[in-house]
């Protein structure tokens, strides 16, 4: 019975670690995405930092990436940047890979 309990605890610990890593990757991705969008909008360093934080916060509005995509499209369009949803989603995918690489590099 001890083996089963140990295995169950190990699975729970792995699940918790996986969830934490997924959250960290998404937060890092959103920060990178915010920096990318800020550069496109021509924001200065302080504005870029604030905007990147705002993009990270936007991800807490609803499950999934739609809230982030919606924010970026709206902000970029309002700033006069020519971009479509496909362009934002491509950046989202690119920054997701970059975020994962960065976090693996830190480990």
C-alpha atoms as a PDB file:
ATOM      1  CA  UNK A   1       0.000   0.000   0.000  1.00  0.00           C
ATOM      2  CA  UNK A   2       2.919   2.326   0.690  1.00  0.00           C
ATOM      3  CA  UNK A   3       4.131   2.004  -2.902  1.00  0.00           C
ATOM      4  CA  UNK A   4       0.723   3.069  -4.172  1.00  0.00           C
ATOM      5  CA  UNK A   5       0.618   6.075  -1.821  1.00  0.00           C
ATOM      6  CA  UNK A   6       4.154   7.089  -2.803  1.00  0.00           C
ATOM      7  CA  UNK A   7       3.270   6.819  -6.465  1.00  0.00           C
ATOM      8  CA  UNK A   8       0.112   8.866  -5.920  1.00  0.00           C
ATOM      9  CA  UNK A   9       2.060  11.619  -4.093  1.00  0.00           C
ATOM     10  CA  UNK A  10       4.661  11.641  -6.864  1.00  0.00           C
ATOM     11  CA  UNK A  11       1.953  12.036  -9.512  1.00  0.00           C
ATOM     12  CA  UNK A  12       0.342  14.881  -7.553  1.00  0.00           C
ATOM     13  CA  UNK A  13       3.715  16.615  -7.176  1.00  0.00           C
ATOM     14  CA  UNK A  14       4.394  16.223 -10.911  1.00  0.00           C
ATOM     15  CA  UNK A  15       0.975  17.626 -11.762  1.00  0.00           C
ATOM     16  CA  UNK A  16       1.546  20.637  -9.491  1.00  0.00           C
ATOM     17  CA  UNK A  17       4.964  21.260 -11.033  1.00  0.00           C
ATOM     18  CA  UNK A  18       3.555  20.975 -14.560  1.00  0.00           C
ATOM     19  CA  UNK A  19       0.795  23.458 -13.725  1.00  0.00           C
ATOM     20  CA  UNK A  20       3.297  25.892 -12.219  1.00  0.00           C
ATOM     21  CA  UNK A  21       5.536  25.636 -15.285  1.00  0.00           C
ATOM     22  CA  UNK A  22       2.580  26.183 -17.613  1.00  0.00           C
ATOM     23  CA  UNK A  23       1.634  29.314 -15.678  1.00  0.00           C
ATOM     24  CA  UNK A  24       5.217  30.625 -15.676  1.00  0.00           C
ATOM     25  CA  UNK A  25       5.599  30.037 -19.410  1.00  0.00           C
ATOM     26  CA  UNK A  26       2.313  31.838 -20.158  1.00  0.00           C
ATOM     27  CA  UNK A  27       3.243  34.787 -17.948  1.00  0.00           C
ATOM     28  CA  UNK A  28       6.702  35.048 -19.544  1.00  0.00           C
ATOM     29  CA  UNK A  29       5.167  34.736 -23.009  1.00  0.00           C
ATOM     30  CA  UNK A  30       2.690  37.504 -22.277  1.00  0.00           C
ATOM     31  CA  UNK A  31       5.465  39.765 -20.974  1.00  0.00           C
ATOM     32  CA  UNK A  32       7.503  39.154 -24.144  1.00  0.00           C
ATOM     33  CA  UNK A  33       4.404  39.723 -26.235  1.00  0.00           C
ATOM     34  CA  UNK A  34       3.761  43.010 -24.436  1.00  0.00           C
ATOM     35  CA  UNK A  35       7.331  44.112 -25.122  1.00  0.00           C
ATOM     36  CA  UNK A  36       6.941  43.158 -28.787  1.00  0.00           C
ATOM     37  CA  UNK A  37       3.709  45.144 -29.105  1.00  0.00           C
ATOM     38  CA  UNK A  38       5.179  48.120 -27.224  1.00  0.00           C
ATOM     39  CA  UNK A  39       8.062  48.222 -29.686  1.00  0.00           C
ATOM     40  CA  UNK A  40       5.588  48.218 -32.582  1.00  0.00           C
ATOM     41  CA  UNK A  41       3.711  51.115 -30.927  1.00  0.00           C
ATOM     42  CA  UNK A  42       6.926  53.060 -30.336  1.00  0.00           C
ATOM     43  CA  UNK A  43       6.640  53.200 -26.544  1.00  0.00           C
ATOM     44  CA  UNK A  44       9.577  54.307 -24.409  1.00  0.00           C
ATOM     45  CA  UNK A  45      11.266  52.026 -21.856  1.00  0.00           C
ATOM     46  CA  UNK A  46       9.026  52.927 -18.901  1.00  0.00           C
ATOM     47  CA  UNK A  47       5.874  52.685 -21.024  1.00  0.00           C
ATOM     48  CA  UNK A  48       7.071  49.349 -22.411  1.00  0.00           C
ATOM     49  CA  UNK A  49       7.522  47.930 -18.918  1.00  0.00           C
ATOM     50  CA  UNK A  50       4.072  49.124 -17.847  1.00  0.00           C
ATOM     51  CA  UNK A  51       2.478  47.814 -21.025  1.00  0.00           C
ATOM     52  CA  UNK A  52       4.127  44.389 -20.662  1.00  0.00           C
ATOM     53  CA  UNK A  53       2.686  44.146 -17.141  1.00  0.00           C
ATOM     54  CA  UNK A  54      -0.744  45.150 -18.455  1.00  0.00           C
ATOM     55  CA  UNK A  55      -0.625  42.352 -21.026  1.00  0.00           C
ATOM     56  CA  UNK A  56       0.256  39.835 -18.300  1.00  0.00           C
ATOM     57  CA  UNK A  57      -2.697  41.113 -16.236  1.00  0.00           C
ATOM     58  CA  UNK A  58      -5.033  40.906 -19.242  1.00  0.00           C
ATOM     59  CA  UNK A  59      -4.544  37.150 -19.338  1.00  0.00           C
ATOM     60  CA  UNK A  60      -6.409  36.815 -16.023  1.00  0.00           C
ATOM     61  CA  UNK A  61      -9.683  38.116 -17.507  1.00  0.00           C
ATOM     62  CA  UNK A  62     -10.749  34.757 -18.938  1.00  0.00           C
ATOM     63  CA  UNK A  63      -9.369  31.311 -19.630  1.00  0.00           C
ATOM     64  CA  UNK A  64      -7.328  30.897 -22.785  1.00  0.00           C
ATOM     65  CA  UNK A  65      -5.475  33.394 -24.930  1.00  0.00           C
ATOM     66  CA  UNK A  66      -8.429  35.272 -26.408  1.00  0.00           C
ATOM     67  CA  UNK A  67      -8.274  38.065 -23.829  1.00  0.00           C
ATOM     68  CA  UNK A  68      -4.601  38.723 -24.638  1.00  0.00           C
ATOM     69  CA  UNK A  69      -5.177  38.595 -28.405  1.00  0.00           C
ATOM     70  CA  UNK A  70      -8.134  40.959 -28.092  1.00  0.00           C
ATOM     71  CA  UNK A  71      -6.120  43.438 -26.002  1.00  0.00           C
ATOM     72  CA  UNK A  72      -3.169  43.416 -28.371  1.00  0.00           C
ATOM     73  CA  UNK A  73      -5.266  43.825 -31.509  1.00  0.00           C
ATOM     74  CA  UNK A  74      -7.204  46.683 -29.929  1.00  0.00           C
ATOM     75  CA  UNK A  75      -4.134  48.491 -28.602  1.00  0.00           C
ATOM     76  CA  UNK A  76      -2.085  48.027 -31.772  1.00  0.00           C
ATOM     77  CA  UNK A  77      -4.979  49.175 -33.960  1.00  0.00           C
ATOM     78  CA  UNK A  78      -5.587  52.230 -31.756  1.00  0.00           C
ATOM     79  CA  UNK A  79      -1.895  53.086 -32.041  1.00  0.00           C
ATOM     80  CA  UNK A  80      -2.142  52.986 -35.840  1.00  0.00           C
ATOM     81  CA  UNK A  81      -0.133  49.795 -36.271  1.00  0.00           C
ATOM     82  CA  UNK A  82      -1.179  47.712 -39.273  1.00  0.00           C
ATOM     83  CA  UNK A  83      -1.677  44.190 -37.931  1.00  0.00           C
ATOM     84  CA  UNK A  84      -4.304  41.504 -38.138  1.00  0.00           C
ATOM     85  CA  UNK A  85      -5.291  38.680 -35.841  1.00  0.00           C
ATOM     86  CA  UNK A  86      -3.057  36.216 -37.707  1.00  0.00           C
ATOM     87  CA  UNK A  87      -0.048  38.474 -37.084  1.00  0.00           C
ATOM     88  CA  UNK A  88      -0.798  38.665 -33.371  1.00  0.00           C
ATOM     89  CA  UNK A  89      -1.324  34.896 -33.150  1.00  0.00           C
ATOM     90  CA  UNK A  90       1.971  34.282 -34.985  1.00  0.00           C
ATOM     91  CA  UNK A  91       3.757  36.527 -32.459  1.00  0.00           C
ATOM     92  CA  UNK A  92       1.955  34.673 -29.655  1.00  0.00           C
ATOM     93  CA  UNK A  93       3.289  31.336 -30.913  1.00  0.00           C
ATOM     94  CA  UNK A  94       6.795  32.729 -31.417  1.00  0.00           C
ATOM     95  CA  UNK A  95       6.917  34.276 -27.943  1.00  0.00           C
ATOM     96  CA  UNK A  96       5.596  31.061 -26.413  1.00  0.00           C
ATOM     97  CA  UNK A  97       8.584  29.166 -27.804  1.00  0.00           C
ATOM     98  CA  UNK A  98      10.941  31.928 -26.657  1.00  0.00           C
ATOM     99  CA  UNK A  99       9.447  31.914 -23.147  1.00  0.00           C
ATOM    100  CA  UNK A 100       9.804  28.142 -22.868  1.00  0.00           C
ATOM    101  CA  UNK A 101      13.449  28.348 -23.981  1.00  0.00           C
ATOM    102  CA  UNK A 102      14.194  31.098 -21.492  1.00  0.00           C
ATOM    103  CA  UNK A 103      12.688  29.183 -18.584  1.00  0.00           C
ATOM    104  CA  UNK A 104      14.500  25.975 -19.558  1.00  0.00           C
ATOM    105  CA  UNK A 105      17.715  27.987 -19.776  1.00  0.00           C
ATOM    106  CA  UNK A 106      17.202  29.279 -16.237  1.00  0.00           C
ATOM    107  CA  UNK A 107      16.646  25.800 -14.793  1.00  0.00           C
END
